[in-house]
PDB file of N, CA and C in Angstrom:
ATOM      1  N   MET A   1     -20.680  28.105  -6.642  1.00  0.00           N
ATOM      2  CA  MET A   1     -20.202  28.957  -5.777  1.00  0.00           C
ATOM      3  C   MET A   1     -20.049  30.306  -6.375  1.00  0.00           C
ATOM      4  N   ASP A   2     -19.714  30.319  -7.507  1.00  0.00           N
ATOM      5  CA  ASP A   2     -19.540  31.738  -8.404  1.00  0.00           C
ATOM      6  C   ASP A   2     -20.969  32.440  -8.310  1.00  0.00           C
ATOM      7  N   ALA A   3     -22.078  31.774  -8.487  1.00  0.00           N
ATOM      8  CA  ALA A   3     -23.309  32.466  -8.287  1.00  0.00           C
ATOM      9  C   ALA A   3     -23.590  33.099  -7.088  1.00  0.00           C
ATOM     10  N   LEU A   4     -23.197  32.337  -6.091  1.00  0.00           N
ATOM     11  CA  LEU A   4     -23.349  32.881  -4.602  1.00  0.00           C
ATOM     12  C   LEU A   4     -22.601  33.957  -4.381  1.00  0.00           C
ATOM     13  N   ILE A   5     -21.190  34.000  -4.824  1.00  0.00           N
ATOM     14  CA  ILE A   5     -20.305  35.198  -4.726  1.00  0.00           C
ATOM     15  C   ILE A   5     -20.924  36.447  -5.440  1.00  0.00           C
ATOM     16  N   VAL A   6     -21.537  36.129  -6.581  1.00  0.00           N
ATOM     17  CA  VAL A   6     -21.912  37.245  -7.360  1.00  0.00           C
ATOM     18  C   VAL A   6     -23.271  37.823  -6.611  1.00  0.00           C
ATOM     19  N   SER A   7     -24.139  36.827  -6.122  1.00  0.00           N
ATOM     20  CA  SER A   7     -25.251  37.354  -5.337  1.00  0.00           C
ATOM     21  C   SER A   7     -24.920  38.126  -4.072  1.00  0.00           C
ATOM     22  N   LEU A   8     -24.023  37.625  -3.289  1.00  0.00           N
ATOM     23  CA  LEU A   8     -23.498  38.418  -2.090  1.00  0.00           C
ATOM     24  C   LEU A   8     -22.954  39.778  -2.523  1.00  0.00           C
ATOM     25  N   SER A   9     -22.050  39.644  -3.556  1.00  0.00           N
ATOM     26  CA  SER A   9     -21.383  40.864  -3.905  1.00  0.00           C
ATOM     27  C   SER A   9     -22.352  41.966  -4.421  1.00  0.00           C
ATOM     28  N   SER A  10     -23.409  41.470  -4.986  1.00  0.00           N
ATOM     29  CA  SER A  10     -24.479  42.515  -5.596  1.00  0.00           C
ATOM     30  C   SER A  10     -25.165  43.270  -4.423  1.00  0.00           C
ATOM     31  N   ARG A  11     -25.231  42.670  -3.230  1.00  0.00           N
ATOM     32  CA  ARG A  11     -25.803  43.356  -2.088  1.00  0.00           C
ATOM     33  C   ARG A  11     -24.890  44.392  -1.569  1.00  0.00           C
ATOM     34  N   HIS A  12     -25.545  45.503  -1.127  1.00  0.00           N
ATOM     35  CA  HIS A  12     -24.666  46.660  -0.670  1.00  0.00           C
ATOM     36  C   HIS A  12     -24.636  46.746   0.750  1.00  0.00           C
ATOM     37  N   PHE A  13     -24.521  45.587   1.573  1.00  0.00           N
ATOM     38  CA  PHE A  13     -24.271  45.591   2.924  1.00  0.00           C
ATOM     39  C   PHE A  13     -23.030  44.689   3.219  1.00  0.00           C
ATOM     40  N   GLY A  14     -22.293  45.131   4.234  1.00  0.00           N
ATOM     41  CA  GLY A  14     -20.995  44.559   4.525  1.00  0.00           C
ATOM     42  C   GLY A  14     -20.135  45.393   5.088  1.00  0.00           C
ATOM     43  N   CYS A  15     -18.888  45.477   4.758  1.00  0.00           N
ATOM     44  CA  CYS A  15     -17.996  46.359   5.183  1.00  0.00           C
ATOM     45  C   CYS A  15     -17.360  47.127   3.996  1.00  0.00           C
ATOM     46  N   TYR A  16     -17.169  48.525   4.201  1.00  0.00           N
ATOM     47  CA  TYR A  16     -16.780  49.374   3.064  1.00  0.00           C
ATOM     48  C   TYR A  16     -15.276  49.586   3.304  1.00  0.00           C
ATOM     49  N   VAL A  17     -14.463  49.301   2.143  1.00  0.00           N
ATOM     50  CA  VAL A  17     -13.139  49.622   2.086  1.00  0.00           C
ATOM     51  C   VAL A  17     -12.901  50.599   0.961  1.00  0.00           C
ATOM     52  N   ASP A  18     -12.442  51.838   1.239  1.00  0.00           N
ATOM     53  CA  ASP A  18     -12.299  52.884   0.296  1.00  0.00           C
ATOM     54  C   ASP A  18     -13.421  53.037  -0.635  1.00  0.00           C
ATOM     55  N   GLY A  19     -14.767  52.906  -0.040  1.00  0.00           N
ATOM     56  CA  GLY A  19     -15.791  53.126  -0.797  1.00  0.00           C
ATOM     57  C   GLY A  19     -16.386  52.018  -1.385  1.00  0.00           C
ATOM     58  N   VAL A  20     -15.737  50.880  -1.359  1.00  0.00           N
ATOM     59  CA  VAL A  20     -16.148  49.526  -1.969  1.00  0.00           C
ATOM     60  C   VAL A  20     -16.705  48.722  -0.944  1.00  0.00           C
ATOM     61  N   CYS A  21     -17.966  48.101  -1.237  1.00  0.00           N
ATOM     62  CA  CYS A  21     -18.436  47.186  -0.325  1.00  0.00           C
ATOM     63  C   CYS A  21     -17.839  45.725  -0.525  1.00  0.00           C
ATOM     64  N   VAL A  22     -17.292  45.414   0.612  1.00  0.00           N
ATOM     65  CA  VAL A  22     -16.583  44.011   0.551  1.00  0.00           C
ATOM     66  C   VAL A  22     -17.428  43.223   1.627  1.00  0.00           C
ATOM     67  N   ASN A  23     -18.110  42.114   1.272  1.00  0.00           N
ATOM     68  CA  ASN A  23     -18.899  41.453   2.205  1.00  0.00           C
ATOM     69  C   ASN A  23     -18.490  39.787   2.165  1.00  0.00           C
ATOM     70  N   ASN A  24     -17.673  39.393   1.378  1.00  0.00           N
ATOM     71  CA  ASN A  24     -17.313  38.066   1.295  1.00  0.00           C
ATOM     72  C   ASN A  24     -15.985  37.851   0.701  1.00  0.00           C
ATOM     73  N   LEU A  25     -15.090  36.983   1.354  1.00  0.00           N
ATOM     74  CA  LEU A  25     -13.886  36.663   0.845  1.00  0.00           C
ATOM     75  C   LEU A  25     -13.828  35.260   0.558  1.00  0.00           C
ATOM     76  N   SER A  26     -13.588  34.672  -0.659  1.00  0.00           N
ATOM     77  CA  SER A  26     -13.787  33.396  -0.943  1.00  0.00           C
ATOM     78  C   SER A  26     -12.674  32.751  -1.796  1.00  0.00           C
ATOM     79  N   TYR A  27     -12.407  31.635  -1.383  1.00  0.00           N
ATOM     80  CA  TYR A  27     -11.462  30.784  -2.237  1.00  0.00           C
ATOM     81  C   TYR A  27     -11.834  29.330  -2.014  1.00  0.00           C
ATOM     82  N   ALA A  28     -12.093  28.690  -3.186  1.00  0.00           N
ATOM     83  CA  ALA A  28     -12.624  27.311  -3.489  1.00  0.00           C
ATOM     84  C   ALA A  28     -13.906  27.304  -2.673  1.00  0.00           C
ATOM     85  N   ASP A  29     -14.044  26.354  -1.741  1.00  0.00           N
ATOM     86  CA  ASP A  29     -15.248  26.366  -1.006  1.00  0.00           C
ATOM     87  C   ASP A  29     -15.217  26.922   0.424  1.00  0.00           C
ATOM     88  N   ASP A  30     -14.151  27.731   0.697  1.00  0.00           N
ATOM     89  CA  ASP A  30     -14.104  28.372   1.907  1.00  0.00           C
ATOM     90  C   ASP A  30     -14.563  29.848   1.713  1.00  0.00           C
ATOM     91  N   MET A  31     -15.440  30.327   2.593  1.00  0.00           N
ATOM     92  CA  MET A  31     -15.837  31.683   2.360  1.00  0.00           C
ATOM     93  C   MET A  31     -15.964  32.389   3.854  1.00  0.00           C
ATOM     94  N   VAL A  32     -15.544  33.648   3.859  1.00  0.00           N
ATOM     95  CA  VAL A  32     -15.577  34.514   5.074  1.00  0.00           C
ATOM     96  C   VAL A  32     -16.532  35.577   4.751  1.00  0.00           C
ATOM     97  N   LEU A  33     -17.636  35.793   5.447  1.00  0.00           N
ATOM     98  CA  LEU A  33     -18.588  36.872   5.318  1.00  0.00           C
ATOM     99  C   LEU A  33     -18.043  38.095   6.251  1.00  0.00           C
ATOM    100  N   LEU A  34     -18.284  39.272   5.721  1.00  0.00           N
ATOM    101  CA  LEU A  34     -17.804  40.550   6.422  1.00  0.00           C
ATOM    102  C   LEU A  34     -18.855  41.399   6.621  1.00  0.00           C
ATOM    103  N   SER A  35     -19.103  41.824   7.811  1.00  0.00           N
ATOM    104  CA  SER A  35     -20.241  42.799   8.090  1.00  0.00           C
ATOM    105  C   SER A  35     -19.820  43.695   9.191  1.00  0.00           C
ATOM    106  N   ALA A  36     -20.286  44.981   9.070  1.00  0.00           N
ATOM    107  CA  ALA A  36     -20.183  45.974  10.290  1.00  0.00           C
ATOM    108  C   ALA A  36     -21.023  45.738  11.454  1.00  0.00           C
ATOM    109  N   SER A  37     -22.138  44.914  11.342  1.00  0.00           N
ATOM    110  CA  SER A  37     -23.224  44.606  12.260  1.00  0.00           C
ATOM    111  C   SER A  37     -23.643  43.229  12.108  1.00  0.00           C
ATOM    112  N   VAL A  38     -24.236  42.704  13.260  1.00  0.00           N
ATOM    113  CA  VAL A  38     -24.772  41.505  13.235  1.00  0.00           C
ATOM    114  C   VAL A  38     -25.990  41.488  12.410  1.00  0.00           C
ATOM    115  N   CYS A  39     -26.756  42.569  12.236  1.00  0.00           N
ATOM    116  CA  CYS A  39     -27.840  42.555  11.244  1.00  0.00           C
ATOM    117  C   CYS A  39     -27.428  42.342   9.791  1.00  0.00           C
ATOM    118  N   GLY A  40     -26.400  42.988   9.490  1.00  0.00           N
ATOM    119  CA  GLY A  40     -25.857  42.702   8.107  1.00  0.00           C
ATOM    120  C   GLY A  40     -25.333  41.398   7.856  1.00  0.00           C
ATOM    121  N   LEU A  41     -24.732  40.744   8.871  1.00  0.00           N
ATOM    122  CA  LEU A  41     -24.279  39.394   8.799  1.00  0.00           C
ATOM    123  C   LEU A  41     -25.358  38.477   8.661  1.00  0.00           C
ATOM    124  N   GLU A  42     -26.430  38.721   9.542  1.00  0.00           N
ATOM    125  CA  GLU A  42     -27.694  37.942   9.242  1.00  0.00           C
ATOM    126  C   GLU A  42     -28.233  37.956   7.858  1.00  0.00           C
ATOM    127  N   ARG A  43     -28.269  39.205   7.262  1.00  0.00           N
ATOM    128  CA  ARG A  43     -28.696  39.378   5.965  1.00  0.00           C
ATOM    129  C   ARG A  43     -27.923  38.497   4.898  1.00  0.00           C
ATOM    130  N   LEU A  44     -26.547  38.597   5.188  1.00  0.00           N
ATOM    131  CA  LEU A  44     -25.662  37.730   4.280  1.00  0.00           C
ATOM    132  C   LEU A  44     -25.869  36.262   4.458  1.00  0.00           C
ATOM    133  N   LEU A  45     -26.018  35.900   5.606  1.00  0.00           N
ATOM    134  CA  LEU A  45     -26.400  34.486   5.979  1.00  0.00           C
ATOM    135  C   LEU A  45     -27.576  34.010   5.314  1.00  0.00           C
ATOM    136  N   ARG A  46     -28.708  34.836   5.181  1.00  0.00           N
ATOM    137  CA  ARG A  46     -29.962  34.415   4.490  1.00  0.00           C
ATOM    138  C   ARG A  46     -29.673  34.255   3.115  1.00  0.00           C
ATOM    139  N   VAL A  47     -28.895  35.124   2.447  1.00  0.00           N
ATOM    140  CA  VAL A  47     -28.611  34.975   1.051  1.00  0.00           C
ATOM    141  C   VAL A  47     -27.836  33.600   0.853  1.00  0.00           C
ATOM    142  N   CYS A  48     -27.001  33.221   1.767  1.00  0.00           N
ATOM    143  CA  CYS A  48     -26.357  31.956   1.690  1.00  0.00           C
ATOM    144  C   CYS A  48     -27.262  30.741   1.904  1.00  0.00           C
ATOM    145  N   GLU A  49     -28.306  30.911   2.819  1.00  0.00           N
ATOM    146  CA  GLU A  49     -29.284  29.709   3.126  1.00  0.00           C
ATOM    147  C   GLU A  49     -30.125  29.657   1.888  1.00  0.00           C
ATOM    148  N   GLU A  50     -30.584  30.781   1.233  1.00  0.00           N
ATOM    149  CA  GLU A  50     -31.387  30.601   0.078  1.00  0.00           C
ATOM    150  C   GLU A  50     -30.705  29.955  -1.119  1.00  0.00           C
ATOM    151  N   TYR A  51     -29.412  30.443  -1.208  1.00  0.00           N
ATOM    152  CA  TYR A  51     -28.578  29.705  -2.317  1.00  0.00           C
ATOM    153  C   TYR A  51     -28.417  28.160  -1.898  1.00  0.00           C
ATOM    154  N   ALA A  52     -28.183  27.848  -0.753  1.00  0.00           N
ATOM    155  CA  ALA A  52     -27.992  26.417  -0.454  1.00  0.00           C
ATOM    156  C   ALA A  52     -29.147  25.600  -0.642  1.00  0.00           C
ATOM    157  N   LEU A  53     -30.415  26.217  -0.241  1.00  0.00           N
ATOM    158  CA  LEU A  53     -31.655  25.573  -0.385  1.00  0.00           C
ATOM    159  C   LEU A  53     -32.043  25.394  -1.880  1.00  0.00           C
ATOM    160  N   SER A  54     -31.792  26.375  -2.675  1.00  0.00           N
ATOM    161  CA  SER A  54     -32.027  26.320  -4.151  1.00  0.00           C
ATOM    162  C   SER A  54     -31.082  25.412  -4.879  1.00  0.00           C
ATOM    163  N   HIS A  55     -30.000  25.048  -4.242  1.00  0.00           N
ATOM    164  CA  HIS A  55     -28.945  24.095  -5.041  1.00  0.00           C
ATOM    165  C   HIS A  55     -28.831  22.788  -4.221  1.00  0.00           C
ATOM    166  N   GLY A  56     -29.679  22.478  -3.334  1.00  0.00           N
ATOM    167  CA  GLY A  56     -29.722  21.174  -2.618  1.00  0.00           C
ATOM    168  C   GLY A  56     -28.390  21.003  -1.811  1.00  0.00           C
ATOM    169  N   LEU A  57     -28.054  22.159  -1.209  1.00  0.00           N
ATOM    170  CA  LEU A  57     -26.880  22.219  -0.348  1.00  0.00           C
ATOM    171  C   LEU A  57     -27.215  22.276   1.138  1.00  0.00           C
ATOM    172  N   LYS A  58     -26.360  22.014   2.106  1.00  0.00           N
ATOM    173  CA  LYS A  58     -26.602  22.375   3.451  1.00  0.00           C
ATOM    174  C   LYS A  58     -25.315  22.662   4.036  1.00  0.00           C
ATOM    175  N   TYR A  59     -25.331  23.766   4.797  1.00  0.00           N
ATOM    176  CA  TYR A  59     -24.106  24.227   5.573  1.00  0.00           C
ATOM    177  C   TYR A  59     -23.799  23.497   6.610  1.00  0.00           C
ATOM    178  N   ASN A  60     -22.693  23.140   7.019  1.00  0.00           N
ATOM    179  CA  ASN A  60     -22.265  22.395   8.234  1.00  0.00           C
ATOM    180  C   ASN A  60     -22.137  23.385   9.315  1.00  0.00           C
ATOM    181  N   VAL A  61     -23.201  23.541  10.231  1.00  0.00           N
ATOM    182  CA  VAL A  61     -23.204  24.511  11.306  1.00  0.00           C
ATOM    183  C   VAL A  61     -21.944  24.266  12.339  1.00  0.00           C
ATOM    184  N   ALA A  62     -21.556  22.950  12.465  1.00  0.00           N
ATOM    185  CA  ALA A  62     -20.479  22.627  13.330  1.00  0.00           C
ATOM    186  C   ALA A  62     -19.199  23.193  12.871  1.00  0.00           C
ATOM    187  N   LYS A  63     -19.003  23.350  11.569  1.00  0.00           N
ATOM    188  CA  LYS A  63     -17.776  23.929  11.072  1.00  0.00           C
ATOM    189  C   LYS A  63     -17.881  25.512  10.805  1.00  0.00           C
ATOM    190  N   SER A  64     -19.003  26.103  11.156  1.00  0.00           N
ATOM    191  CA  SER A  64     -19.227  27.509  10.830  1.00  0.00           C
ATOM    192  C   SER A  64     -19.172  28.301  12.237  1.00  0.00           C
ATOM    193  N   GLN A  65     -18.455  29.420  12.228  1.00  0.00           N
ATOM    194  CA  GLN A  65     -18.128  30.259  13.415  1.00  0.00           C
ATOM    195  C   GLN A  65     -18.393  31.660  13.019  1.00  0.00           C
ATOM    196  N   PHE A  66     -18.480  32.503  14.058  1.00  0.00           N
ATOM    197  CA  PHE A  66     -18.283  33.887  13.770  1.00  0.00           C
ATOM    198  C   PHE A  66     -17.473  34.607  14.762  1.00  0.00           C
ATOM    199  N   MET A  67     -16.890  35.725  14.322  1.00  0.00           N
ATOM    200  CA  MET A  67     -15.956  36.406  15.247  1.00  0.00           C
ATOM    201  C   MET A  67     -16.326  38.007  15.132  1.00  0.00           C
ATOM    202  N   VAL A  68     -16.147  38.671  16.303  1.00  0.00           N
ATOM    203  CA  VAL A  68     -16.376  40.158  16.499  1.00  0.00           C
ATOM    204  C   VAL A  68     -15.147  40.652  16.738  1.00  0.00           C
ATOM    205  N   PHE A  69     -14.615  41.600  15.829  1.00  0.00           N
ATOM    206  CA  PHE A  69     -13.311  42.245  16.072  1.00  0.00           C
ATOM    207  C   PHE A  69     -13.353  43.281  17.147  1.00  0.00           C
ATOM    208  N   GLU A  70     -12.283  43.503  17.726  1.00  0.00           N
ATOM    209  CA  GLU A  70     -12.234  44.420  18.856  1.00  0.00           C
ATOM    210  C   GLU A  70     -11.903  45.738  18.148  1.00  0.00           C
ATOM    211  N   ALA A  71     -12.355  46.965  18.800  1.00  0.00           N
ATOM    212  CA  ALA A  71     -12.180  48.192  18.369  1.00  0.00           C
ATOM    213  C   ALA A  71     -11.340  48.860  19.519  1.00  0.00           C
ATOM    214  N   GLY A  72     -10.058  48.978  19.195  1.00  0.00           N
ATOM    215  CA  GLY A  72      -9.006  49.367  20.275  1.00  0.00           C
ATOM    216  C   GLY A  72      -8.949  48.354  21.346  1.00  0.00           C
ATOM    217  N   CYS A  73      -9.326  48.704  22.597  1.00  0.00           N
ATOM    218  CA  CYS A  73      -9.251  47.827  23.719  1.00  0.00           C
ATOM    219  C   CYS A  73     -10.728  47.379  24.058  1.00  0.00           C
ATOM    220  N   ASN A  74     -11.764  47.736  23.322  1.00  0.00           N
ATOM    221  CA  ASN A  74     -13.083  47.483  23.614  1.00  0.00           C
ATOM    222  C   ASN A  74     -13.509  46.069  22.976  1.00  0.00           C
ATOM    223  N   ARG A  75     -13.923  45.189  23.726  1.00  0.00           N
ATOM    224  CA  ARG A  75     -14.528  43.965  23.296  1.00  0.00           C
ATOM    225  C   ARG A  75     -15.948  43.915  23.387  1.00  0.00           C
ATOM    226  N   PRO A  76     -16.618  43.956  22.409  1.00  0.00           N
ATOM    227  CA  PRO A  76     -18.140  44.057  22.462  1.00  0.00           C
ATOM    228  C   PRO A  76     -18.659  42.773  23.164  1.00  0.00           C
ATOM    229  N   SER A  77     -19.482  42.804  24.211  1.00  0.00           N
ATOM    230  CA  SER A  77     -20.004  41.659  25.016  1.00  0.00           C
ATOM    231  C   SER A  77     -21.386  41.342  24.738  1.00  0.00           C
ATOM    232  N   ASN A  78     -22.206  42.401  24.439  1.00  0.00           N
ATOM    233  CA  ASN A  78     -23.607  42.136  24.206  1.00  0.00           C
ATOM    234  C   ASN A  78     -23.943  41.858  22.569  1.00  0.00           C
ATOM    235  N   VAL A  79     -23.305  40.767  22.237  1.00  0.00           N
ATOM    236  CA  VAL A  79     -23.591  40.427  20.719  1.00  0.00           C
ATOM    237  C   VAL A  79     -24.650  39.443  20.781  1.00  0.00           C
ATOM    238  N   PRO A  80     -25.846  39.700  19.938  1.00  0.00           N
ATOM    239  CA  PRO A  80     -26.796  38.593  19.957  1.00  0.00           C
ATOM    240  C   PRO A  80     -26.251  37.354  19.152  1.00  0.00           C
ATOM    241  N   PRO A  81     -27.049  36.279  19.269  1.00  0.00           N
ATOM    242  CA  PRO A  81     -26.706  34.996  18.640  1.00  0.00           C
ATOM    243  C   PRO A  81     -26.583  35.181  17.225  1.00  0.00           C
ATOM    244  N   VAL A  82     -25.802  34.570  16.468  1.00  0.00           N
ATOM    245  CA  VAL A  82     -25.824  34.469  15.042  1.00  0.00           C
ATOM    246  C   VAL A  82     -26.245  32.993  14.603  1.00  0.00           C
ATOM    247  N   ILE A  83     -27.206  33.128  13.837  1.00  0.00           N
ATOM    248  CA  ILE A  83     -28.172  31.800  13.563  1.00  0.00           C
ATOM    249  C   ILE A  83     -27.937  31.549  12.114  1.00  0.00           C
ATOM    250  N   LEU A  84     -27.502  30.138  11.784  1.00  0.00           N
ATOM    251  CA  LEU A  84     -27.463  29.523  10.438  1.00  0.00           C
ATOM    252  C   LEU A  84     -28.202  28.181  10.537  1.00  0.00           C
ATOM    253  N   ASN A  85     -29.171  28.116   9.487  1.00  0.00           N
ATOM    254  CA  ASN A  85     -29.953  26.864   9.538  1.00  0.00           C
ATOM    255  C   ASN A  85     -30.702  26.638  10.825  1.00  0.00           C
ATOM    256  N   GLY A  86     -31.102  27.727  11.558  1.00  0.00           N
ATOM    257  CA  GLY A  86     -31.738  27.513  12.882  1.00  0.00           C
ATOM    258  C   GLY A  86     -30.942  27.352  14.069  1.00  0.00           C
ATOM    259  N   SER A  87     -29.579  27.075  13.798  1.00  0.00           N
ATOM    260  CA  SER A  87     -28.680  26.729  14.925  1.00  0.00           C
ATOM    261  C   SER A  87     -27.746  28.040  15.134  1.00  0.00           C
ATOM    262  N   PRO A  88     -27.580  28.176  16.524  1.00  0.00           N
ATOM    263  CA  PRO A  88     -26.507  29.419  16.747  1.00  0.00           C
ATOM    264  C   PRO A  88     -25.032  28.864  16.346  1.00  0.00           C
ATOM    265  N   LEU A  89     -24.315  30.022  15.806  1.00  0.00           N
ATOM    266  CA  LEU A  89     -23.002  29.748  15.495  1.00  0.00           C
ATOM    267  C   LEU A  89     -22.085  29.960  16.896  1.00  0.00           C
ATOM    268  N   GLU A  90     -20.957  29.296  16.753  1.00  0.00           N
ATOM    269  CA  GLU A  90     -19.940  29.538  17.988  1.00  0.00           C
ATOM    270  C   GLU A  90     -19.276  30.784  17.693  1.00  0.00           C
ATOM    271  N   ARG A  91     -19.061  31.567  18.696  1.00  0.00           N
ATOM    272  CA  ARG A  91     -18.358  32.729  18.629  1.00  0.00           C
ATOM    273  C   ARG A  91     -16.845  32.427  18.995  1.00  0.00           C
ATOM    274  N   VAL A  92     -15.967  32.830  18.116  1.00  0.00           N
ATOM    275  CA  VAL A  92     -14.542  32.568  18.464  1.00  0.00           C
ATOM    276  C   VAL A  92     -13.674  33.781  18.534  1.00  0.00           C
ATOM    277  N   ASP A  93     -12.505  33.575  19.126  1.00  0.00           N
ATOM    278  CA  ASP A  93     -11.654  34.771  19.194  1.00  0.00           C
ATOM    279  C   ASP A  93     -10.524  34.768  18.135  1.00  0.00           C
ATOM    280  N   ARG A  94     -10.462  33.508  17.459  1.00  0.00           N
ATOM    281  CA  ARG A  94      -9.472  33.560  16.288  1.00  0.00           C
ATOM    282  C   ARG A  94     -10.093  32.267  15.433  1.00  0.00           C
ATOM    283  N   PHE A  95      -9.548  32.237  14.138  1.00  0.00           N
ATOM    284  CA  PHE A  95      -9.820  31.281  13.298  1.00  0.00           C
ATOM    285  C   PHE A  95      -8.731  31.336  12.253  1.00  0.00           C
ATOM    286  N   LYS A  96      -8.487  30.214  11.537  1.00  0.00           N
ATOM    287  CA  LYS A  96      -7.443  30.095  10.560  1.00  0.00           C
ATOM    288  C   LYS A  96      -8.122  30.084   9.073  1.00  0.00           C
ATOM    289  N   ASN A  97      -7.607  31.165   8.418  1.00  0.00           N
ATOM    290  CA  ASN A  97      -8.184  31.325   7.076  1.00  0.00           C
ATOM    291  C   ASN A  97      -6.942  31.286   6.095  1.00  0.00           C
ATOM    292  N   LEU A  98      -6.923  30.196   5.130  1.00  0.00           N
ATOM    293  CA  LEU A  98      -5.921  30.194   4.135  1.00  0.00           C
ATOM    294  C   LEU A  98      -4.615  30.198   4.791  1.00  0.00           C
ATOM    295  N   GLY A  99      -4.312  29.519   5.862  1.00  0.00           N
ATOM    296  CA  GLY A  99      -3.165  29.372   6.535  1.00  0.00           C
ATOM    297  C   GLY A  99      -2.816  30.638   7.467  1.00  0.00           C
ATOM    298  N   HIS A 100      -3.505  31.462   7.520  1.00  0.00           N
ATOM    299  CA  HIS A 100      -3.263  32.744   8.391  1.00  0.00           C
ATOM    300  C   HIS A 100      -4.238  32.691   9.584  1.00  0.00           C
ATOM    301  N   ILE A 101      -3.693  32.896  10.787  1.00  0.00           N
ATOM    302  CA  ILE A 101      -4.559  33.000  11.932  1.00  0.00           C
ATOM    303  C   ILE A 101      -4.986  34.502  12.201  1.00  0.00           C
ATOM    304  N   VAL A 102      -6.404  34.584  11.980  1.00  0.00           N
ATOM    305  CA  VAL A 102      -6.996  35.863  12.159  1.00  0.00           C
ATOM    306  C   VAL A 102      -7.518  35.932  13.636  1.00  0.00           C
ATOM    307  N   THR A 103      -7.237  37.147  14.328  1.00  0.00           N
ATOM    308  CA  THR A 103      -7.672  37.269  15.794  1.00  0.00           C
ATOM    309  C   THR A 103      -8.596  38.512  15.984  1.00  0.00           C
ATOM    310  N   THR A 104      -9.181  38.550  17.029  1.00  0.00           N
ATOM    311  CA  THR A 104     -10.061  39.728  17.264  1.00  0.00           C
ATOM    312  C   THR A 104      -9.332  40.878  17.542  1.00  0.00           C
ATOM    313  N   ASP A 105      -8.086  40.881  17.936  1.00  0.00           N
ATOM    314  CA  ASP A 105      -7.291  42.146  18.136  1.00  0.00           C
ATOM    315  C   ASP A 105      -6.557  42.535  17.037  1.00  0.00           C
ATOM    316  N   HIS A 106      -6.571  41.972  15.807  1.00  0.00           N
ATOM    317  CA  HIS A 106      -5.943  42.353  14.648  1.00  0.00           C
ATOM    318  C   HIS A 106      -4.419  42.068  14.538  1.00  0.00           C
ATOM    319  N   ARG A 107      -3.884  41.407  15.581  1.00  0.00           N
ATOM    320  CA  ARG A 107      -2.497  41.274  15.774  1.00  0.00           C
ATOM    321  C   ARG A 107      -1.981  39.950  15.023  1.00  0.00           C
ATOM    322  N   ASP A 108      -0.710  39.814  14.750  1.00  0.00           N
ATOM    323  CA  ASP A 108      -0.397  38.621  13.976  1.00  0.00           C
ATOM    324  C   ASP A 108       0.480  37.778  14.843  1.00  0.00           C
ATOM    325  N   ASP A 109       0.540  38.084  16.217  1.00  0.00           N
ATOM    326  CA  ASP A 109       1.339  37.210  17.155  1.00  0.00           C
ATOM    327  C   ASP A 109       0.980  35.721  17.045  1.00  0.00           C
ATOM    328  N   ALA A 110      -0.062  35.295  16.768  1.00  0.00           N
ATOM    329  CA  ALA A 110      -0.613  34.023  16.717  1.00  0.00           C
ATOM    330  C   ALA A 110       0.166  33.173  15.546  1.00  0.00           C
ATOM    331  N   ASP A 111       0.530  33.916  14.522  1.00  0.00           N
ATOM    332  CA  ASP A 111       1.224  33.398  13.435  1.00  0.00           C
ATOM    333  C   ASP A 111       2.841  33.223  13.428  1.00  0.00           C
ATOM    334  N   ILE A 112       3.258  34.027  14.368  1.00  0.00           N
ATOM    335  CA  ILE A 112       4.692  34.192  14.426  1.00  0.00           C
ATOM    336  C   ILE A 112       5.102  33.015  15.344  1.00  0.00           C
TER     337      ILE A 112
END
């Protein structure tokens, strides 16, 4: 996994926080990819697919999801499908990451 993290981190597409590109958050075998666009996310997924192929691994599409954060009260509706290993990923409004529930509206009500 370290080589994949290094490979992803060396790309300069993702989300920028204080001028630093952050495109993956990883802990053990859990990974969250971050991108400001679907195009950027697809590029990150291609890096993951290439890594998996070269290491004899396969992502479980049934356990993989994507989420689009809201900007204020705007919820993007025309989001193209996100594909992993030829299958579309499920779009969700919330997911649990390291015990914290992340939601599209950035609120922590679901954790309380």
